[in-house]
Amino acid sequence: MKPKIKNMNTPFTLGQIVRLKNYKRNELEKEAYFVVIEENDDTNELVLYTLNTNRYYKSGTTIIPENPEEDFQIVQLKSSDLLQEEVTLIKGRTENELTGIVFDFLEEDTEVVFTLVNSFLVSNIKVDYHTSKNQWLRGNIHIAMHY
C-alpha cells in the first residue's frame, strides 16, 4: 500500500471547518459551512461535507471543489452559529441519517472542533434539535468518513 503524502500546497486538513469566500447571502441567510473529510494529497482530492443546509447544498452532501484555495477559506465556527440551522446530526453506513434544526447547544458558546473517532469526525459540542418527524434529539454531530 502506497503511503499518503500530503500536498503542502493545500492549507486544508481533516476536520477543519471552511466556508465559501464569496458566498453572497441575503440578510436572512447565515454562512454555508463545510468540514474537510478527506485531505488533498497525491492520491486523493479534497472532499468537503456540507455542515448546514444552504441554498446550494443540503446538509450531509459531499462535494469535491475544483479550486478549493480560490473558493474556500478556513473559519472558526461557534456553537451559536449553528442555531436555527438545518444540520445532519449523524450520517453513516450503519446509522440512520438524522437531520433537523438546531435550537440549543449544551456548553458555553465555544469554537466547534471535529476530532477523528473510529470512522467518524465527532464535534466537541452537543446540540439539541428537532427533526422533520417532530422528534427532539440531543448529541454530538457525527460525520462518516466515507462518501
Protein backbone atom coordinates (compact mmCIF):
# COMPACT_ATOMS: atom_id res chain seq x y z
CA MET A 1 0.00 0.00 0.00
CA LYS A 2 1.38 3.37 -1.05
CA PRO A 3 1.67 5.86 1.87
CA LYS A 4 -0.26 9.10 1.60
CA ILE A 5 1.96 12.12 1.11
CA LYS A 6 0.32 15.39 1.97
CA ASN A 7 0.35 18.06 -0.68
CA MET A 8 1.76 21.01 1.23
CA ASN A 9 0.20 23.40 -1.30
CA THR A 10 -3.24 22.99 0.24
CA PRO A 11 -3.99 24.52 3.64
CA PHE A 12 -6.99 22.28 4.37
CA THR A 13 -6.67 19.43 6.88
CA LEU A 14 -9.01 16.75 8.18
CA GLY A 15 -11.76 18.13 10.43
CA GLN A 16 -11.25 21.80 9.57
CA ILE A 17 -14.29 23.97 9.02
CA VAL A 18 -14.35 26.14 5.91
CA ARG A 19 -16.76 28.48 4.16
CA LEU A 20 -17.18 29.84 0.66
CA LYS A 21 -15.13 33.02 0.20
CA ASN A 22 -17.66 34.80 -2.00
CA TYR A 23 -20.97 33.49 -0.67
CA LYS A 24 -23.43 36.27 -1.45
CA ARG A 25 -26.21 35.79 1.07
CA ASN A 26 -29.34 37.74 1.73
CA GLU A 27 -29.86 39.26 5.18
CA LEU A 28 -31.85 36.25 6.45
CA GLU A 29 -29.24 33.67 5.44
CA LYS A 30 -26.29 32.51 7.50
CA GLU A 31 -22.98 31.33 6.11
CA ALA A 32 -22.61 27.98 4.36
CA TYR A 33 -20.18 25.81 6.37
CA PHE A 34 -18.28 22.71 5.26
CA VAL A 35 -15.99 20.21 7.04
CA VAL A 36 -12.90 18.65 5.43
CA ILE A 37 -13.45 14.86 5.39
CA GLU A 38 -10.61 13.99 3.03
CA GLU A 39 -7.39 15.89 2.53
CA ASN A 40 -5.88 16.62 -0.84
CA ASP A 41 -2.76 14.51 -1.41
CA ASP A 42 -1.01 12.62 -4.19
CA THR A 43 -3.81 10.02 -4.41
CA ASN A 44 -6.96 11.87 -3.25
CA GLU A 45 -8.87 15.04 -3.97
CA LEU A 46 -10.10 17.36 -1.26
CA VAL A 47 -13.59 16.32 -0.13
CA LEU A 48 -15.89 18.61 1.87
CA TYR A 49 -19.00 17.69 3.85
CA THR A 50 -21.82 20.26 3.92
CA LEU A 51 -22.43 21.01 7.59
CA ASN A 52 -25.53 23.22 7.32
CA THR A 53 -28.15 23.37 4.59
CA ASN A 54 -27.74 26.40 2.35
CA ARG A 55 -29.12 27.50 -0.99
CA TYR A 56 -26.57 25.38 -2.88
CA TYR A 57 -26.26 22.18 -0.83
CA LYS A 58 -28.29 20.18 1.67
CA SER A 59 -26.65 19.25 4.98
CA GLY A 60 -24.84 15.93 4.58
CA THR A 61 -23.93 16.48 0.92
CA THR A 62 -20.29 15.89 -0.01
CA ILE A 63 -18.54 18.00 -2.63
CA ILE A 64 -15.17 17.91 -4.38
CA PRO A 65 -14.27 21.52 -5.17
CA GLU A 66 -12.31 22.24 -8.34
CA ASN A 67 -10.40 25.24 -6.92
CA PRO A 68 -10.53 24.95 -3.13
CA GLU A 69 -7.82 27.53 -2.39
CA GLU A 70 -9.64 30.10 -4.52
CA ASP A 71 -13.18 29.29 -3.38
CA PHE A 72 -12.90 28.39 0.33
CA GLN A 73 -11.34 29.77 3.48
CA ILE A 74 -10.80 28.33 6.95
CA VAL A 75 -13.11 29.74 9.63
CA GLN A 76 -13.71 29.46 13.35
CA LEU A 77 -17.28 28.32 13.86
CA LYS A 78 -19.00 28.97 17.20
CA SER A 79 -21.82 26.87 18.64
CA SER A 80 -24.19 29.82 18.29
CA ASP A 81 -23.50 29.98 14.52
CA LEU A 82 -25.46 26.73 14.18
CA LEU A 83 -28.60 27.96 15.98
CA GLN A 84 -31.69 27.72 13.75
CA GLU A 85 -29.63 25.95 11.09
CA GLU A 86 -30.54 22.63 9.48
CA VAL A 87 -27.76 20.17 10.36
CA THR A 88 -27.31 16.42 9.90
CA LEU A 89 -26.55 15.04 13.37
CA ILE A 90 -25.30 11.64 12.24
CA LYS A 91 -24.74 10.09 8.86
CA GLY A 92 -23.07 6.73 8.49
CA ARG A 93 -23.15 3.29 6.89
CA THR A 94 -24.98 1.64 9.78
CA GLU A 95 -26.62 4.70 11.28
CA ASN A 96 -29.77 6.43 10.11
CA GLU A 97 -29.30 9.94 8.83
CA LEU A 98 -30.93 12.37 11.23
CA THR A 99 -31.38 15.93 10.03
CA GLY A 100 -33.07 18.71 11.94
CA ILE A 101 -32.99 22.32 13.11
CA VAL A 102 -30.55 23.15 15.93
CA PHE A 103 -32.33 25.06 18.69
CA ASP A 104 -29.82 24.89 21.57
CA PHE A 105 -26.28 23.86 22.50
CA LEU A 106 -25.32 22.47 25.89
CA GLU A 107 -21.98 24.10 26.60
CA GLU A 108 -20.75 27.66 26.54
CA ASP A 109 -20.65 29.34 23.14
CA THR A 110 -17.37 27.77 22.13
CA GLU A 111 -15.47 27.06 18.92
CA VAL A 112 -16.70 23.91 17.15
CA VAL A 113 -13.93 21.35 16.61
CA PHE A 114 -14.15 17.97 14.86
CA THR A 115 -11.94 15.09 16.02
CA LEU A 116 -11.49 11.71 14.35
CA VAL A 117 -13.04 8.91 16.45
CA ASN A 118 -13.02 5.48 14.76
CA SER A 119 -14.53 6.15 11.32
CA PHE A 120 -16.33 9.40 12.26
CA LEU A 121 -15.44 13.04 12.75
CA VAL A 122 -17.16 13.96 16.02
CA SER A 123 -17.89 17.51 17.22
CA ASN A 124 -16.83 18.72 20.64
CA ILE A 125 -20.28 20.24 21.18
CA LYS A 126 -23.64 18.67 21.90
CA VAL A 127 -26.71 20.19 20.32
CA ASP A 128 -30.46 19.90 20.80
CA TYR A 129 -32.51 19.82 17.67
CA HIS A 130 -35.92 18.97 16.19
CA THR A 131 -36.18 16.59 13.26
CA SER A 132 -38.67 16.83 10.43
CA LYS A 133 -40.58 13.99 12.15
CA ASN A 134 -41.01 16.28 15.19
CA GLN A 135 -38.54 14.33 17.31
CA TRP A 136 -36.38 16.08 19.89
CA LEU A 137 -32.79 14.83 19.89
CA ARG A 138 -29.54 15.67 21.65
CA GLY A 139 -25.99 14.72 20.76
CA ASN A 140 -22.69 15.46 19.14
CA ILE A 141 -22.52 15.92 15.39
CA HIS A 142 -21.06 12.80 13.74
CA ILE A 143 -19.73 12.78 10.17
CA ALA A 144 -18.85 9.49 8.48
CA MET A 145 -15.52 9.41 6.69
CA HIS A 146 -16.94 7.86 3.52
CA TYR A 147 -18.95 9.43 0.75
